[in-house]
Structure formats: C-alpha cells, structure tokens
Amino acid sequence: MSRDDLEALRVPLIVLAATVLLSGTMIYISSVVRGSAEQLLAQRENALREARMRIQNAGEEKEMIARYLVSYQQLARAGFVGDEQRINWLDGLRVANEQTGVFGVEYEISAQRPYAYAAEFGTGRLSFQESLMRLKFRLLHEEDLSRFLNVLSRASGGYFTVDQCVIRRLKPIDNDKRLQVDANLGADCELRWLTVKPTSSPTGKQG
C-alpha cells in the first residue's frame, strides 16, 4: 500500500478503533449493570423469603400462644411461673398449721439457685430455679404429716417437691389415754420450691 492509501485509511481506522473501544466499554458496563441487578434481585428475593418466614413464624407463635395461654396463666397464678412468692409460701405454712392442727412450724429458706436436675428435663430456653426449705414441726400422729403437705400444696401459691421427711417419736405412747391431744412425733422435712422463667433469646429479648 502506498502512502496515499494509508492516509486515506487513517480516518476509517480511527473510527473503527473508537467503535470497537466504545462497544467493548458498553458491553462491560452492561455486564456490570446486569451483575448488580442480579445481585439486587437475589437480595430482594432473600428479603422476601425472610419476611415470609417471619410471617409464618409469627403465625405459628400466635397459634402456640393461643393454645397454651390459659395453661400458662394458670401456672403463673399457681406461683410456678415467674418470680418466687415467698410471702405466699409463708401464708401457706400458716394455713397448713392451722388446718391440720400441728404444734407450730419452724422454717428455714435458702437462697434461690438453678434447679439441680433441670438438665434431665431438656428445659431449653426455660430457666428452672429452686429454693430449699427446711421445716420442723410436731405432730399428734403420722397422718398429720401427709395432711399438712397436702394443705400446704393447695394453699401456698407455688409448687414444691419433697426431698425427705424424717419422723421421730418424742415420747412413749400412753395406752391409758384414749384421747391424747399432745405432740407425740417430731417431723423434719426438706422441700424444693420450684419456679420457671423464660431466659433471654439470642436477640437479647425475652422469649
């Protein structure tokens, strides 16, 4: 090719190079925009799925609350759910003493602590707590012990388990006395007062 031919092709070659460069740039920009659009679409789809899951979970939680609300409220009124109700426990001791006719009750309550056997029940996000109570009282006869514990269970506004009760005779029985209204037996009992609370959820809110 001659010099004149190259001079004639210079402008078309420049235009061709500019066109190729512009086309490549447009293709790159389109690819970037498409990638951003696809990423945004994926984010929106994930957000939509999460919103649907939250709505579904909210519906399930609402159904569960409706199903168990009455039982939960009954347990709360009974003193099993929520804070300890020690005043009610002591009122229950007084009522049990009066109704069963035992000869006074001495008590000692320890500080609240985690329930020793909670792990065996798979309590999950529920916090089981216990307070130990030691009781000493005197009885007319053995049946007074079960009567006392039954009345205490109904009147105390709480739930307890009996670890042990030891009964000892205070004096020999006088067979000549048909009606012996006096303390013949001494009872030492250990109870565990139990309460349960929801623990904090992973988001820091109460479950």
C-alpha atoms as a PDB file:
ATOM      1  CA  MET A   1       0.000   0.000   0.000  1.00  0.00           C
ATOM      2  CA  SER A   2       1.205   3.442  -0.831  1.00  0.00           C
ATOM      3  CA  ARG A   3       1.499   6.392   1.484  1.00  0.00           C
ATOM      4  CA  ASP A   4      -1.567   7.927  -0.117  1.00  0.00           C
ATOM      5  CA  ASP A   5      -3.583   4.780   0.557  1.00  0.00           C
ATOM      6  CA  LEU A   6      -2.599   4.827   4.261  1.00  0.00           C
ATOM      7  CA  GLU A   7      -3.549   8.462   4.515  1.00  0.00           C
ATOM      8  CA  ALA A   8      -6.938   7.617   3.020  1.00  0.00           C
ATOM      9  CA  LEU A   9      -7.487   4.777   5.538  1.00  0.00           C
ATOM     10  CA  ARG A  10      -6.385   6.717   8.611  1.00  0.00           C
ATOM     11  CA  VAL A  11      -9.775   8.238   9.417  1.00  0.00           C
ATOM     12  CA  PRO A  12     -11.760   4.997   8.849  1.00  0.00           C
ATOM     13  CA  LEU A  13      -9.283   3.075  11.058  1.00  0.00           C
ATOM     14  CA  ILE A  14      -9.599   5.652  13.815  1.00  0.00           C
ATOM     15  CA  VAL A  15     -13.386   5.439  13.590  1.00  0.00           C
ATOM     16  CA  LEU A  16     -13.209   1.620  13.655  1.00  0.00           C
ATOM     17  CA  ALA A  17     -10.935   1.611  16.729  1.00  0.00           C
ATOM     18  CA  ALA A  18     -13.175   4.074  18.516  1.00  0.00           C
ATOM     19  CA  THR A  19     -16.227   1.969  17.644  1.00  0.00           C
ATOM     20  CA  VAL A  20     -14.564  -1.232  18.949  1.00  0.00           C
ATOM     21  CA  LEU A  21     -13.473   0.546  22.145  1.00  0.00           C
ATOM     22  CA  LEU A  22     -16.936   2.021  22.665  1.00  0.00           C
ATOM     23  CA  SER A  23     -18.594  -1.323  22.013  1.00  0.00           C
ATOM     24  CA  GLY A  24     -16.290  -3.062  24.487  1.00  0.00           C
ATOM     25  CA  THR A  25     -16.977  -0.378  27.074  1.00  0.00           C
ATOM     26  CA  MET A  26     -20.738  -0.690  26.592  1.00  0.00           C
ATOM     27  CA  ILE A  27     -20.533  -4.482  26.873  1.00  0.00           C
ATOM     28  CA  TYR A  28     -18.506  -4.174  30.110  1.00  0.00           C
ATOM     29  CA  ILE A  29     -20.924  -1.613  31.557  1.00  0.00           C
ATOM     30  CA  SER A  30     -23.893  -3.782  30.596  1.00  0.00           C
ATOM     31  CA  SER A  31     -22.248  -6.770  32.274  1.00  0.00           C
ATOM     32  CA  VAL A  32     -21.622  -4.785  35.457  1.00  0.00           C
ATOM     33  CA  VAL A  33     -25.167  -3.406  35.481  1.00  0.00           C
ATOM     34  CA  ARG A  34     -26.590  -6.862  34.863  1.00  0.00           C
ATOM     35  CA  GLY A  35     -24.472  -8.335  37.677  1.00  0.00           C
ATOM     36  CA  SER A  36     -25.612  -5.591  40.064  1.00  0.00           C
ATOM     37  CA  ALA A  37     -29.224  -6.113  39.014  1.00  0.00           C
ATOM     38  CA  GLU A  38     -28.942  -9.879  39.557  1.00  0.00           C
ATOM     39  CA  GLN A  39     -27.322  -9.311  42.973  1.00  0.00           C
ATOM     40  CA  LEU A  40     -30.052  -6.822  43.929  1.00  0.00           C
ATOM     41  CA  LEU A  41     -32.713  -9.273  42.746  1.00  0.00           C
ATOM     42  CA  ALA A  42     -31.151 -12.051  44.831  1.00  0.00           C
ATOM     43  CA  GLN A  43     -31.098  -9.754  47.865  1.00  0.00           C
ATOM     44  CA  ARG A  44     -34.740  -8.811  47.341  1.00  0.00           C
ATOM     45  CA  GLU A  45     -35.701 -12.485  46.956  1.00  0.00           C
ATOM     46  CA  ASN A  46     -33.844 -13.373  50.171  1.00  0.00           C
ATOM     47  CA  ALA A  47     -35.523 -10.494  51.982  1.00  0.00           C
ATOM     48  CA  LEU A  48     -38.895 -11.671  50.669  1.00  0.00           C
ATOM     49  CA  ARG A  49     -38.225 -15.239  51.842  1.00  0.00           C
ATOM     50  CA  GLU A  50     -37.152 -13.981  55.274  1.00  0.00           C
ATOM     51  CA  ALA A  51     -40.267 -11.805  55.512  1.00  0.00           C
ATOM     52  CA  ARG A  52     -42.447 -14.779  54.618  1.00  0.00           C
ATOM     53  CA  MET A  53     -40.635 -16.908  57.218  1.00  0.00           C
ATOM     54  CA  ARG A  54     -41.167 -14.225  59.865  1.00  0.00           C
ATOM     55  CA  ILE A  55     -44.846 -14.040  58.988  1.00  0.00           C
ATOM     56  CA  GLN A  56     -45.111 -17.818  59.139  1.00  0.00           C
ATOM     57  CA  ASN A  57     -43.238 -17.985  62.445  1.00  0.00           C
ATOM     58  CA  ALA A  58     -45.363 -15.162  63.842  1.00  0.00           C
ATOM     59  CA  GLY A  59     -48.467 -17.098  62.863  1.00  0.00           C
ATOM     60  CA  GLU A  60     -47.146 -20.272  64.492  1.00  0.00           C
ATOM     61  CA  GLU A  61     -46.164 -18.373  67.647  1.00  0.00           C
ATOM     62  CA  LYS A  62     -49.578 -16.728  67.748  1.00  0.00           C
ATOM     63  CA  GLU A  63     -51.243 -20.133  67.409  1.00  0.00           C
ATOM     64  CA  MET A  64     -48.994 -21.570  70.112  1.00  0.00           C
ATOM     65  CA  ILE A  65     -49.726 -18.652  72.444  1.00  0.00           C
ATOM     66  CA  ALA A  66     -53.446 -19.072  71.883  1.00  0.00           C
ATOM     67  CA  ARG A  67     -53.157 -22.804  72.533  1.00  0.00           C
ATOM     68  CA  TYR A  68     -51.149 -22.570  75.758  1.00  0.00           C
ATOM     69  CA  LEU A  69     -52.077 -19.152  77.132  1.00  0.00           C
ATOM     70  CA  VAL A  70     -54.713 -20.447  79.543  1.00  0.00           C
ATOM     71  CA  SER A  71     -52.364 -23.118  80.909  1.00  0.00           C
ATOM     72  CA  TYR A  72     -49.572 -20.562  81.222  1.00  0.00           C
ATOM     73  CA  GLN A  73     -51.819 -18.164  83.121  1.00  0.00           C
ATOM     74  CA  GLN A  74     -52.910 -20.964  85.442  1.00  0.00           C
ATOM     75  CA  LEU A  75     -49.272 -21.854  86.187  1.00  0.00           C
ATOM     76  CA  ALA A  76     -48.487 -18.180  86.772  1.00  0.00           C
ATOM     77  CA  ARG A  77     -51.389 -17.850  89.206  1.00  0.00           C
ATOM     78  CA  ALA A  78     -50.239 -21.047  90.914  1.00  0.00           C
ATOM     79  CA  GLY A  79     -46.835 -19.454  91.530  1.00  0.00           C
ATOM     80  CA  PHE A  80     -44.856 -21.836  89.310  1.00  0.00           C
ATOM     81  CA  VAL A  81     -44.097 -19.334  86.508  1.00  0.00           C
ATOM     82  CA  GLY A  82     -42.383 -16.057  87.329  1.00  0.00           C
ATOM     83  CA  ASP A  83     -40.753 -14.748  90.486  1.00  0.00           C
ATOM     84  CA  GLU A  84     -40.733 -16.570  93.796  1.00  0.00           C
ATOM     85  CA  GLN A  85     -43.737 -15.953  96.006  1.00  0.00           C
ATOM     86  CA  ARG A  86     -42.187 -16.416  99.430  1.00  0.00           C
ATOM     87  CA  ILE A  87     -44.861 -14.423 101.209  1.00  0.00           C
ATOM     88  CA  ASN A  88     -47.456 -16.816  99.806  1.00  0.00           C
ATOM     89  CA  TRP A  89     -45.322 -19.777 100.896  1.00  0.00           C
ATOM     90  CA  LEU A  90     -45.270 -18.471 104.459  1.00  0.00           C
ATOM     91  CA  ASP A  91     -49.015 -17.843 104.352  1.00  0.00           C
ATOM     92  CA  GLY A  92     -49.383 -21.431 103.183  1.00  0.00           C
ATOM     93  CA  LEU A  93     -47.373 -22.636 106.187  1.00  0.00           C
ATOM     94  CA  ARG A  94     -49.647 -20.692 108.492  1.00  0.00           C
ATOM     95  CA  VAL A  95     -52.786 -22.103 106.862  1.00  0.00           C
ATOM     96  CA  ALA A  96     -51.429 -25.656 106.918  1.00  0.00           C
ATOM     97  CA  ASN A  97     -50.514 -25.292 110.577  1.00  0.00           C
ATOM     98  CA  GLU A  98     -53.993 -24.041 111.455  1.00  0.00           C
ATOM     99  CA  GLN A  99     -55.972 -26.544 109.387  1.00  0.00           C
ATOM    100  CA  THR A 100     -54.031 -29.649 110.365  1.00  0.00           C
ATOM    101  CA  GLY A 101     -53.532 -28.760 113.992  1.00  0.00           C
ATOM    102  CA  VAL A 102     -49.786 -29.333 114.125  1.00  0.00           C
ATOM    103  CA  PHE A 103     -47.992 -27.699 117.017  1.00  0.00           C
ATOM    104  CA  GLY A 104     -46.229 -24.810 115.265  1.00  0.00           C
ATOM    105  CA  VAL A 105     -43.806 -24.797 112.345  1.00  0.00           C
ATOM    106  CA  GLU A 106     -40.178 -23.708 112.227  1.00  0.00           C
ATOM    107  CA  TYR A 107     -38.769 -22.986 108.783  1.00  0.00           C
ATOM    108  CA  GLU A 108     -35.531 -22.010 107.042  1.00  0.00           C
ATOM    109  CA  ILE A 109     -35.324 -20.975 103.372  1.00  0.00           C
ATOM    110  CA  SER A 110     -32.109 -20.932 101.367  1.00  0.00           C
ATOM    111  CA  ALA A 111     -31.215 -18.505  98.582  1.00  0.00           C
ATOM    112  CA  GLN A 112     -32.597 -19.289  95.136  1.00  0.00           C
ATOM    113  CA  ARG A 113     -30.330 -21.247  92.803  1.00  0.00           C
ATOM    114  CA  PRO A 114     -30.585 -23.180  89.490  1.00  0.00           C
ATOM    115  CA  TYR A 115     -32.601 -26.379  89.812  1.00  0.00           C
ATOM    116  CA  ALA A 116     -30.165 -29.247  90.270  1.00  0.00           C
ATOM    117  CA  TYR A 117     -31.960 -31.639  87.885  1.00  0.00           C
ATOM    118  CA  ALA A 118     -33.042 -29.193  85.162  1.00  0.00           C
ATOM    119  CA  ALA A 119     -30.732 -30.730  82.525  1.00  0.00           C
ATOM    120  CA  GLU A 120     -32.533 -34.072  82.792  1.00  0.00           C
ATOM    121  CA  PHE A 121     -35.762 -32.487  81.527  1.00  0.00           C
ATOM    122  CA  GLY A 122     -34.319 -30.725  78.459  1.00  0.00           C
ATOM    123  CA  THR A 123     -35.681 -27.341  79.530  1.00  0.00           C
ATOM    124  CA  GLY A 124     -34.267 -25.438  76.531  1.00  0.00           C
ATOM    125  CA  ARG A 125     -34.741 -21.674  76.965  1.00  0.00           C
ATOM    126  CA  LEU A 126     -36.529 -22.098  80.280  1.00  0.00           C
ATOM    127  CA  SER A 127     -34.661 -21.312  83.469  1.00  0.00           C
ATOM    128  CA  PHE A 128     -35.662 -23.603  86.342  1.00  0.00           C
ATOM    129  CA  GLN A 129     -34.822 -22.292  89.816  1.00  0.00           C
ATOM    130  CA  GLU A 130     -35.163 -23.836  93.249  1.00  0.00           C
ATOM    131  CA  SER A 131     -35.121 -22.732  96.851  1.00  0.00           C
ATOM    132  CA  LEU A 132     -34.616 -25.267  99.612  1.00  0.00           C
ATOM    133  CA  MET A 133     -36.869 -25.051 102.657  1.00  0.00           C
ATOM    134  CA  ARG A 134     -36.307 -26.974 105.870  1.00  0.00           C
ATOM    135  CA  LEU A 135     -39.291 -27.474 108.149  1.00  0.00           C
ATOM    136  CA  LYS A 136     -39.568 -28.650 111.720  1.00  0.00           C
ATOM    137  CA  PHE A 137     -42.910 -29.276 113.371  1.00  0.00           C
ATOM    138  CA  ARG A 138     -44.597 -31.595 115.833  1.00  0.00           C
ATOM    139  CA  LEU A 139     -47.452 -33.985 115.117  1.00  0.00           C
ATOM    140  CA  LEU A 140     -50.135 -35.765 117.008  1.00  0.00           C
ATOM    141  CA  HIS A 141     -49.843 -38.843 114.753  1.00  0.00           C
ATOM    142  CA  GLU A 142     -48.314 -39.893 111.424  1.00  0.00           C
ATOM    143  CA  GLU A 143     -51.298 -38.996 109.241  1.00  0.00           C
ATOM    144  CA  ASP A 144     -50.882 -35.335 110.160  1.00  0.00           C
ATOM    145  CA  LEU A 145     -47.755 -35.203 108.000  1.00  0.00           C
ATOM    146  CA  SER A 146     -49.498 -36.069 104.709  1.00  0.00           C
ATOM    147  CA  ARG A 147     -52.414 -33.802 105.618  1.00  0.00           C
ATOM    148  CA  PHE A 148     -50.016 -30.944 106.338  1.00  0.00           C
ATOM    149  CA  LEU A 149     -48.206 -31.334 102.984  1.00  0.00           C
ATOM    150  CA  ASN A 150     -51.479 -31.590 101.056  1.00  0.00           C
ATOM    151  CA  VAL A 151     -52.835 -28.399 102.610  1.00  0.00           C
ATOM    152  CA  LEU A 152     -49.515 -26.635 102.019  1.00  0.00           C
ATOM    153  CA  SER A 153     -49.605 -27.634  98.343  1.00  0.00           C
ATOM    154  CA  ARG A 154     -53.091 -26.167  97.902  1.00  0.00           C
ATOM    155  CA  ALA A 155     -52.645 -23.011  99.990  1.00  0.00           C
ATOM    156  CA  SER A 156     -49.107 -21.845  99.324  1.00  0.00           C
ATOM    157  CA  GLY A 157     -49.334 -20.482  95.776  1.00  0.00           C
ATOM    158  CA  GLY A 158     -46.363 -22.440  94.497  1.00  0.00           C
ATOM    159  CA  TYR A 159     -45.014 -25.824  93.515  1.00  0.00           C
ATOM    160  CA  PHE A 160     -42.654 -27.907  95.615  1.00  0.00           C
ATOM    161  CA  THR A 161     -41.214 -31.379  95.786  1.00  0.00           C
ATOM    162  CA  VAL A 162     -40.440 -33.235  98.992  1.00  0.00           C
ATOM    163  CA  ASP A 163     -36.837 -34.403  99.249  1.00  0.00           C
ATOM    164  CA  GLN A 164     -37.272 -36.188 102.525  1.00  0.00           C
ATOM    165  CA  CYS A 165     -39.189 -36.219 105.784  1.00  0.00           C
ATOM    166  CA  VAL A 166     -37.885 -37.812 108.959  1.00  0.00           C
ATOM    167  CA  ILE A 167     -40.321 -38.570 111.770  1.00  0.00           C
ATOM    168  CA  ARG A 168     -39.118 -39.285 115.307  1.00  0.00           C
ATOM    169  CA  ARG A 169     -41.057 -40.143 118.412  1.00  0.00           C
ATOM    170  CA  LEU A 170     -40.926 -37.531 121.126  1.00  0.00           C
ATOM    171  CA  LYS A 171     -42.230 -39.675 123.981  1.00  0.00           C
ATOM    172  CA  PRO A 172     -43.702 -43.125 124.548  1.00  0.00           C
ATOM    173  CA  ILE A 173     -47.376 -43.645 123.779  1.00  0.00           C
ATOM    174  CA  ASP A 174     -49.588 -43.784 126.871  1.00  0.00           C
ATOM    175  CA  ASN A 175     -52.103 -46.516 126.076  1.00  0.00           C
ATOM    176  CA  ASP A 176     -54.210 -45.489 129.045  1.00  0.00           C
ATOM    177  CA  LYS A 177     -55.076 -42.207 127.390  1.00  0.00           C
ATOM    178  CA  ARG A 178     -57.734 -42.697 124.742  1.00  0.00           C
ATOM    179  CA  LEU A 179     -57.567 -39.031 123.655  1.00  0.00           C
ATOM    180  CA  GLN A 180     -54.039 -37.765 123.904  1.00  0.00           C
ATOM    181  CA  VAL A 181     -54.069 -34.229 122.466  1.00  0.00           C
ATOM    182  CA  ASP A 182     -50.356 -33.604 122.636  1.00  0.00           C
ATOM    183  CA  ALA A 183     -47.348 -33.722 120.322  1.00  0.00           C
ATOM    184  CA  ASN A 184     -46.182 -37.310 120.088  1.00  0.00           C
ATOM    185  CA  LEU A 185     -43.976 -37.013 116.970  1.00  0.00           C
ATOM    186  CA  GLY A 186     -41.448 -34.591 115.545  1.00  0.00           C
ATOM    187  CA  ALA A 187     -41.045 -34.143 111.778  1.00  0.00           C
ATOM    188  CA  ASP A 188     -38.039 -32.736 109.889  1.00  0.00           C
ATOM    189  CA  CYS A 189     -38.704 -32.157 106.190  1.00  0.00           C
ATOM    190  CA  GLU A 190     -36.750 -30.758 103.249  1.00  0.00           C
ATOM    191  CA  LEU A 191     -38.694 -29.239 100.335  1.00  0.00           C
ATOM    192  CA  ARG A 192     -37.629 -27.785  96.995  1.00  0.00           C
ATOM    193  CA  TRP A 193     -39.734 -24.812  95.890  1.00  0.00           C
ATOM    194  CA  LEU A 194     -39.543 -24.582  92.093  1.00  0.00           C
ATOM    195  CA  THR A 195     -40.090 -21.668  89.720  1.00  0.00           C
ATOM    196  CA  VAL A 196     -39.511 -21.310  85.995  1.00  0.00           C
ATOM    197  CA  LYS A 197     -38.736 -18.302  83.807  1.00  0.00           C
ATOM    198  CA  PRO A 198     -38.017 -17.844  80.087  1.00  0.00           C
ATOM    199  CA  THR A 199     -34.365 -16.989  79.520  1.00  0.00           C
ATOM    200  CA  SER A 200     -33.159 -14.313  77.111  1.00  0.00           C
ATOM    201  CA  SER A 201     -33.428 -15.190  73.431  1.00  0.00           C
ATOM    202  CA  PRO A 202     -30.407 -14.875  71.082  1.00  0.00           C
ATOM    203  CA  THR A 203     -31.644 -11.413  70.040  1.00  0.00           C
ATOM    204  CA  GLY A 204     -31.487 -10.242  73.637  1.00  0.00           C
ATOM    205  CA  LYS A 205     -35.274 -10.112  74.012  1.00  0.00           C
ATOM    206  CA  GLN A 206     -37.269 -12.149  76.455  1.00  0.00           C
ATOM    207  CA  GLY A 207     -38.672 -15.259  74.788  1.00  0.00           C
END
